[in-house]
Amino acid sequence: MNTFDRMALLRGLLDGDLDRSECNHAAWRGLGYHVGTDGVLRTPDGAQCAGGPDILGDEGGAMEQVEAQLPLEDEEELEMLDTLVESLHGERLTRVLVEREDADFLARRTLVRWLYLTQPPLGLF
């Protein structure tokens, strides 16, 4: 995936251009879900499953699990992630949505920040 495609993916996640299912699929890959050679979705430990958790809907605390992997105590790292989000989504709009505590945007922002940190192929800079 080239840099433009990576940026488009992250921007699509932030802007809501990707639906809940597409966001979940991106997160499942980062969480270790995979399709086995039999074509069936499998959990990180290899067990067969009908579908992964609804990350944006925080099914089973999935978003909490994702957020727990963010470096919340590292101010420099969080500032870099905020700059990434503001660059992709727009500084003013991002700040307005954060101030409004828009639940959908905050979940998408967390997902983008987590994917950027945990999935090296998505690194943009």
Foldseek 3Di string as FASTA:
>chain_A
DDLVVLLVVLLCLLVVVDPQVVLQVLVQVLQQWDQDPVRFIAHNVGHGDPDDDSQLVCVPNNLVVLLVPDPVVDPVLVVVLLVSSCVSHNVVVVVVCVVVVPSNNVSSSSSSSSCCVRPVVSPND
